[in-house]
Amino acid sequence: MIKLTENLQWKRSTRCTSGTCVEIATVGGTYLVRDAKDPDGAVLHVGAAGWAAFLSAVKAGEFGI
């Protein structure tokens, strides 16, 4: 289990110019994702395979962004 009280290094994309971004941290093989506007809110835990699939989908333009 990941303790979110650990000193995590949250990162935000350099392309994020507004407050509507997500932040990412890693612990072992788990990727943590949170809303930059609500750092004390919910945190999504994603495994390495899920994260790789998500990145591939973004790069392929599957989200229309």
PDB file of N, CA and C in Angstrom:
ATOM      1  N   MET A   1       0.840  -1.178   0.000  1.00  0.00           N
ATOM      2  CA  MET A   1       0.000   0.000   0.000  1.00  0.00           C
ATOM      3  C   MET A   1       0.887   1.244   0.000  1.00  0.00           C
ATOM      4  N   ILE A   2       0.501   2.230  -0.753  1.00  0.00           N
ATOM      5  CA  ILE A   2       1.255   3.478  -0.857  1.00  0.00           C
ATOM      6  C   ILE A   2       0.710   4.475   0.152  1.00  0.00           C
ATOM      7  N   LYS A   3       1.600   5.025   0.943  1.00  0.00           N
ATOM      8  CA  LYS A   3       1.202   6.054   1.891  1.00  0.00           C
ATOM      9  C   LYS A   3       1.393   7.405   1.226  1.00  0.00           C
ATOM     10  N   LEU A   4       0.317   8.146   1.069  1.00  0.00           N
ATOM     11  CA  LEU A   4       0.411   9.439   0.402  1.00  0.00           C
ATOM     12  C   LEU A   4       1.039  10.497   1.289  1.00  0.00           C
ATOM     13  N   THR A   5       1.412  10.127   2.511  1.00  0.00           N
ATOM     14  CA  THR A   5       2.125  11.059   3.370  1.00  0.00           C
ATOM     15  C   THR A   5       3.620  11.036   3.063  1.00  0.00           C
ATOM     16  N   GLU A   6       4.033  10.097   2.204  1.00  0.00           N
ATOM     17  CA  GLU A   6       5.438  10.038   1.799  1.00  0.00           C
ATOM     18  C   GLU A   6       5.794  11.320   1.053  1.00  0.00           C
ATOM     19  N   ASN A   7       7.059  11.642   1.015  1.00  0.00           N
ATOM     20  CA  ASN A   7       7.523  12.830   0.299  1.00  0.00           C
ATOM     21  C   ASN A   7       7.561  12.520  -1.200  1.00  0.00           C
ATOM     22  N   LEU A   8       6.420  12.681  -1.857  1.00  0.00           N
ATOM     23  CA  LEU A   8       6.317  12.370  -3.275  1.00  0.00           C
ATOM     24  C   LEU A   8       6.732  13.572  -4.112  1.00  0.00           C
ATOM     25  N   GLN A   9       7.345  13.300  -5.244  1.00  0.00           N
ATOM     26  CA  GLN A   9       7.745  14.342  -6.186  1.00  0.00           C
ATOM     27  C   GLN A   9       6.680  14.453  -7.264  1.00  0.00           C
ATOM     28  N   TRP A  10       5.699  15.324  -7.060  1.00  0.00           N
ATOM     29  CA  TRP A  10       4.636  15.518  -8.040  1.00  0.00           C
ATOM     30  C   TRP A  10       5.150  16.371  -9.183  1.00  0.00           C
ATOM     31  N   LYS A  11       4.817  15.960 -10.402  1.00  0.00           N
ATOM     32  CA  LYS A  11       5.262  16.684 -11.602  1.00  0.00           C
ATOM     33  C   LYS A  11       4.054  17.071 -12.435  1.00  0.00           C
ATOM     34  N   ARG A  12       4.172  18.212 -13.094  1.00  0.00           N
ATOM     35  CA  ARG A  12       3.130  18.717 -13.981  1.00  0.00           C
ATOM     36  C   ARG A  12       3.781  18.996 -15.328  1.00  0.00           C
ATOM     37  N   SER A  13       3.056  18.784 -16.387  1.00  0.00           N
ATOM     38  CA  SER A  13       3.576  19.024 -17.723  1.00  0.00           C
ATOM     39  C   SER A  13       4.021  20.474 -17.883  1.00  0.00           C
ATOM     40  N   THR A  14       5.099  20.675 -18.599  1.00  0.00           N
ATOM     41  CA  THR A  14       5.542  22.045 -18.898  1.00  0.00           C
ATOM     42  C   THR A  14       4.582  22.732 -19.854  1.00  0.00           C
ATOM     43  N   ARG A  15       3.715  21.954 -20.509  1.00  0.00           N
ATOM     44  CA  ARG A  15       2.711  22.517 -21.413  1.00  0.00           C
ATOM     45  C   ARG A  15       1.472  23.008 -20.653  1.00  0.00           C
ATOM     46  N   CYS A  16       1.422  22.753 -19.381  1.00  0.00           N
ATOM     47  CA  CYS A  16       0.283  23.168 -18.574  1.00  0.00           C
ATOM     48  C   CYS A  16       0.429  24.652 -18.264  1.00  0.00           C
ATOM     49  N   THR A  17      -0.417  25.444 -18.861  1.00  0.00           N
ATOM     50  CA  THR A  17      -0.362  26.891 -18.644  1.00  0.00           C
ATOM     51  C   THR A  17      -1.586  27.389 -17.890  1.00  0.00           C
ATOM     52  N   SER A  18      -2.462  26.473 -17.512  1.00  0.00           N
ATOM     53  CA  SER A  18      -3.645  26.843 -16.742  1.00  0.00           C
ATOM     54  C   SER A  18      -3.690  25.971 -15.491  1.00  0.00           C
ATOM     55  N   GLY A  19      -4.677  26.165 -14.690  1.00  0.00           N
ATOM     56  CA  GLY A  19      -4.807  25.350 -13.491  1.00  0.00           C
ATOM     57  C   GLY A  19      -5.551  24.060 -13.722  1.00  0.00           C
ATOM     58  N   THR A  20      -5.921  23.774 -14.965  1.00  0.00           N
ATOM     59  CA  THR A  20      -6.710  22.578 -15.263  1.00  0.00           C
ATOM     60  C   THR A  20      -5.830  21.444 -15.765  1.00  0.00           C
ATOM     61  N   CYS A  21      -4.894  21.059 -14.948  1.00  0.00           N
ATOM     62  CA  CYS A  21      -3.930  20.025 -15.320  1.00  0.00           C
ATOM     63  C   CYS A  21      -3.928  18.914 -14.286  1.00  0.00           C
ATOM     64  N   VAL A  22      -3.281  17.838 -14.623  1.00  0.00           N
ATOM     65  CA  VAL A  22      -3.061  16.774 -13.654  1.00  0.00           C
ATOM     66  C   VAL A  22      -1.584  16.755 -13.282  1.00  0.00           C
ATOM     67  N   GLU A  23      -1.309  16.172 -12.141  1.00  0.00           N
ATOM     68  CA  GLU A  23       0.067  15.996 -11.684  1.00  0.00           C
ATOM     69  C   GLU A  23       0.317  14.505 -11.525  1.00  0.00           C
ATOM     70  N   ILE A  24       1.555  14.112 -11.755  1.00  0.00           N
ATOM     71  CA  ILE A  24       1.950  12.712 -11.733  1.00  0.00           C
ATOM     72  C   ILE A  24       3.091  12.522 -10.733  1.00  0.00           C
ATOM     73  N   ALA A  25       3.032  11.423  -9.998  1.00  0.00           N
ATOM     74  CA  ALA A  25       4.140  10.998  -9.141  1.00  0.00           C
ATOM     75  C   ALA A  25       4.296   9.494  -9.358  1.00  0.00           C
ATOM     76  N   THR A  26       5.484   8.980  -9.100  1.00  0.00           N
ATOM     77  CA  THR A  26       5.700   7.540  -9.228  1.00  0.00           C
ATOM     78  C   THR A  26       6.245   6.978  -7.921  1.00  0.00           C
ATOM     79  N   VAL A  27       5.796   5.772  -7.621  1.00  0.00           N
ATOM     80  CA  VAL A  27       6.300   5.019  -6.474  1.00  0.00           C
ATOM     81  C   VAL A  27       6.457   3.593  -6.965  1.00  0.00           C
ATOM     82  N   GLY A  28       7.698   3.152  -7.063  1.00  0.00           N
ATOM     83  CA  GLY A  28       7.933   1.821  -7.601  1.00  0.00           C
ATOM     84  C   GLY A  28       7.391   1.744  -9.023  1.00  0.00           C
ATOM     85  N   GLY A  29       6.546   0.775  -9.311  1.00  0.00           N
ATOM     86  CA  GLY A  29       5.956   0.627 -10.629  1.00  0.00           C
ATOM     87  C   GLY A  29       4.553   1.201 -10.725  1.00  0.00           C
ATOM     88  N   THR A  30       4.170   2.017  -9.744  1.00  0.00           N
ATOM     89  CA  THR A  30       2.833   2.601  -9.731  1.00  0.00           C
ATOM     90  C   THR A  30       2.898   4.083 -10.045  1.00  0.00           C
ATOM     91  N   TYR A  31       1.996   4.526 -10.900  1.00  0.00           N
ATOM     92  CA  TYR A  31       1.888   5.942 -11.243  1.00  0.00           C
ATOM     93  C   TYR A  31       0.688   6.516 -10.498  1.00  0.00           C
ATOM     94  N   LEU A  32       0.889   7.641  -9.861  1.00  0.00           N
ATOM     95  CA  LEU A  32      -0.173   8.318  -9.125  1.00  0.00           C
ATOM     96  C   LEU A  32      -0.565   9.560  -9.909  1.00  0.00           C
ATOM     97  N   VAL A  33      -1.856   9.789 -10.034  1.00  0.00           N
ATOM     98  CA  VAL A  33      -2.363  10.910 -10.817  1.00  0.00           C
ATOM     99  C   VAL A  33      -3.350  11.676  -9.939  1.00  0.00           C
ATOM    100  N   ARG A  34      -3.197  13.008  -9.895  1.00  0.00           N
ATOM    101  CA  ARG A  34      -4.130  13.829  -9.124  1.00  0.00           C
ATOM    102  C   ARG A  34      -4.440  15.112  -9.871  1.00  0.00           C
ATOM    103  N   ASP A  35      -5.519  15.744  -9.485  1.00  0.00           N
ATOM    104  CA  ASP A  35      -5.942  17.020 -10.045  1.00  0.00           C
ATOM    105  C   ASP A  35      -5.073  18.119  -9.439  1.00  0.00           C
ATOM    106  N   ALA A  36      -4.426  18.908 -10.271  1.00  0.00           N
ATOM    107  CA  ALA A  36      -3.539  19.962  -9.779  1.00  0.00           C
ATOM    108  C   ALA A  36      -4.297  21.006  -8.964  1.00  0.00           C
ATOM    109  N   LYS A  37      -5.591  21.191  -9.260  1.00  0.00           N
ATOM    110  CA  LYS A  37      -6.386  22.174  -8.524  1.00  0.00           C
ATOM    111  C   LYS A  37      -6.780  21.675  -7.144  1.00  0.00           C
ATOM    112  N   ASP A  38      -6.705  20.365  -6.921  1.00  0.00           N
ATOM    113  CA  ASP A  38      -7.141  19.766  -5.662  1.00  0.00           C
ATOM    114  C   ASP A  38      -6.102  18.768  -5.165  1.00  0.00           C
ATOM    115  N   PRO A  39      -4.938  19.241  -4.741  1.00  0.00           N
ATOM    116  CA  PRO A  39      -3.856  18.325  -4.360  1.00  0.00           C
ATOM    117  C   PRO A  39      -4.183  17.438  -3.154  1.00  0.00           C
ATOM    118  N   ASP A  40      -5.193  17.793  -2.378  1.00  0.00           N
ATOM    119  CA  ASP A  40      -5.582  16.960  -1.240  1.00  0.00           C
ATOM    120  C   ASP A  40      -6.752  16.040  -1.580  1.00  0.00           C
ATOM    121  N   GLY A  41      -7.177  16.061  -2.830  1.00  0.00           N
ATOM    122  CA  GLY A  41      -8.303  15.242  -3.263  1.00  0.00           C
ATOM    123  C   GLY A  41      -7.897  13.825  -3.614  1.00  0.00           C
ATOM    124  N   ALA A  42      -8.739  13.190  -4.388  1.00  0.00           N
ATOM    125  CA  ALA A  42      -8.544  11.785  -4.767  1.00  0.00           C
ATOM    126  C   ALA A  42      -7.283  11.607  -5.609  1.00  0.00           C
ATOM    127  N   VAL A  43      -6.666  10.441  -5.468  1.00  0.00           N
ATOM    128  CA  VAL A  43      -5.471  10.088  -6.236  1.00  0.00           C
ATOM    129  C   VAL A  43      -5.739   8.772  -6.948  1.00  0.00           C
ATOM    130  N   LEU A  44      -5.536   8.771  -8.251  1.00  0.00           N
ATOM    131  CA  LEU A  44      -5.704   7.576  -9.067  1.00  0.00           C
ATOM    132  C   LEU A  44      -4.390   6.808  -9.091  1.00  0.00           C
ATOM    133  N   HIS A  45      -4.440   5.507  -8.826  1.00  0.00           N
ATOM    134  CA  HIS A  45      -3.255   4.637  -8.854  1.00  0.00           C
ATOM    135  C   HIS A  45      -3.319   3.824 -10.136  1.00  0.00           C
ATOM    136  N   VAL A  46      -2.271   3.878 -10.957  1.00  0.00           N
ATOM    137  CA  VAL A  46      -2.242   3.182 -12.243  1.00  0.00           C
ATOM    138  C   VAL A  46      -0.958   2.366 -12.331  1.00  0.00           C
ATOM    139  N   GLY A  47      -1.071   1.119 -12.735  1.00  0.00           N
ATOM    140  CA  GLY A  47       0.099   0.270 -12.918  1.00  0.00           C
ATOM    141  C   GLY A  47       0.877   0.672 -14.162  1.00  0.00           C
ATOM    142  N   ALA A  48       2.084   0.130 -14.296  1.00  0.00           N
ATOM    143  CA  ALA A  48       2.965   0.490 -15.411  1.00  0.00           C
ATOM    144  C   ALA A  48       2.335   0.169 -16.769  1.00  0.00           C
ATOM    145  N   ALA A  49       1.684  -0.978 -16.892  1.00  0.00           N
ATOM    146  CA  ALA A  49       1.071  -1.345 -18.176  1.00  0.00           C
ATOM    147  C   ALA A  49      -0.087  -0.409 -18.521  1.00  0.00           C
ATOM    148  N   GLY A  50      -0.893  -0.067 -17.533  1.00  0.00           N
ATOM    149  CA  GLY A  50      -1.996   0.868 -17.758  1.00  0.00           C
ATOM    150  C   GLY A  50      -1.505   2.249 -18.140  1.00  0.00           C
ATOM    151  N   TRP A  51      -0.433   2.691 -17.495  1.00  0.00           N
ATOM    152  CA  TRP A  51       0.138   4.004 -17.801  1.00  0.00           C
ATOM    153  C   TRP A  51       0.685   4.025 -19.226  1.00  0.00           C
ATOM    154  N   ALA A  52       1.380   2.970 -19.611  1.00  0.00           N
ATOM    155  CA  ALA A  52       1.928   2.890 -20.976  1.00  0.00           C
ATOM    156  C   ALA A  52       0.805   2.901 -22.006  1.00  0.00           C
ATOM    157  N   ALA A  53      -0.289   2.193 -21.729  1.00  0.00           N
ATOM    158  CA  ALA A  53      -1.422   2.177 -22.650  1.00  0.00           C
ATOM    159  C   ALA A  53      -2.064   3.562 -22.746  1.00  0.00           C
ATOM    160  N   PHE A  54      -2.186   4.243 -21.626  1.00  0.00           N
ATOM    161  CA  PHE A  54      -2.742   5.596 -21.619  1.00  0.00           C
ATOM    162  C   PHE A  54      -1.879   6.540 -22.455  1.00  0.00           C
ATOM    163  N   LEU A  55      -0.568   6.515 -22.254  1.00  0.00           N
ATOM    164  CA  LEU A  55       0.327   7.387 -23.014  1.00  0.00           C
ATOM    165  C   LEU A  55       0.256   7.090 -24.508  1.00  0.00           C
ATOM    166  N   SER A  56       0.195   5.818 -24.865  1.00  0.00           N
ATOM    167  CA  SER A  56       0.073   5.453 -26.283  1.00  0.00           C
ATOM    168  C   SER A  56      -1.207   6.011 -26.883  1.00  0.00           C
ATOM    169  N   ALA A  57      -2.297   5.940 -26.137  1.00  0.00           N
ATOM    170  CA  ALA A  57      -3.580   6.448 -26.614  1.00  0.00           C
ATOM    171  C   ALA A  57      -3.537   7.966 -26.793  1.00  0.00           C
ATOM    172  N   VAL A  58      -2.897   8.654 -25.852  1.00  0.00           N
ATOM    173  CA  VAL A  58      -2.767  10.130 -25.971  1.00  0.00           C
ATOM    174  C   VAL A  58      -1.967  10.478 -27.213  1.00  0.00           C
ATOM    175  N   LYS A  59      -0.837   9.810 -27.397  1.00  0.00           N
ATOM    176  CA  LYS A  59       0.020  10.086 -28.548  1.00  0.00           C
ATOM    177  C   LYS A  59      -0.669   9.775 -29.864  1.00  0.00           C
ATOM    178  N   ALA A  60      -1.578   8.801 -29.848  1.00  0.00           N
ATOM    179  CA  ALA A  60      -2.303   8.414 -31.058  1.00  0.00           C
ATOM    180  C   ALA A  60      -3.499   9.333 -31.318  1.00  0.00           C
ATOM    181  N   GLY A  61      -3.737  10.262 -30.410  1.00  0.00           N
ATOM    182  CA  GLY A  61      -4.834  11.221 -30.599  1.00  0.00           C
ATOM    183  C   GLY A  61      -6.213  10.674 -30.280  1.00  0.00           C
ATOM    184  N   GLU A  62      -6.273   9.620 -29.493  1.00  0.00           N
ATOM    185  CA  GLU A  62      -7.545   8.968 -29.199  1.00  0.00           C
ATOM    186  C   GLU A  62      -8.465   9.795 -28.307  1.00  0.00           C
ATOM    187  N   PHE A  63      -7.964  10.857 -27.707  1.00  0.00           N
ATOM    188  CA  PHE A  63      -8.778  11.664 -26.806  1.00  0.00           C
ATOM    189  C   PHE A  63      -9.172  12.999 -27.423  1.00  0.00           C
ATOM    190  N   GLY A  64      -8.802  13.222 -28.660  1.00  0.00           N
ATOM    191  CA  GLY A  64      -9.192  14.439 -29.355  1.00  0.00           C
ATOM    192  C   GLY A  64      -8.581  15.721 -28.788  1.00  0.00           C
ATOM    193  N   ILE A  65      -7.412  15.587 -28.175  1.00  0.00           N
ATOM    194  CA  ILE A  65      -6.746  16.780 -27.636  1.00  0.00           C
ATOM    195  C   ILE A  65      -5.481  17.080 -28.400  1.00  0.00           C
TER     196      ILE A  65
END
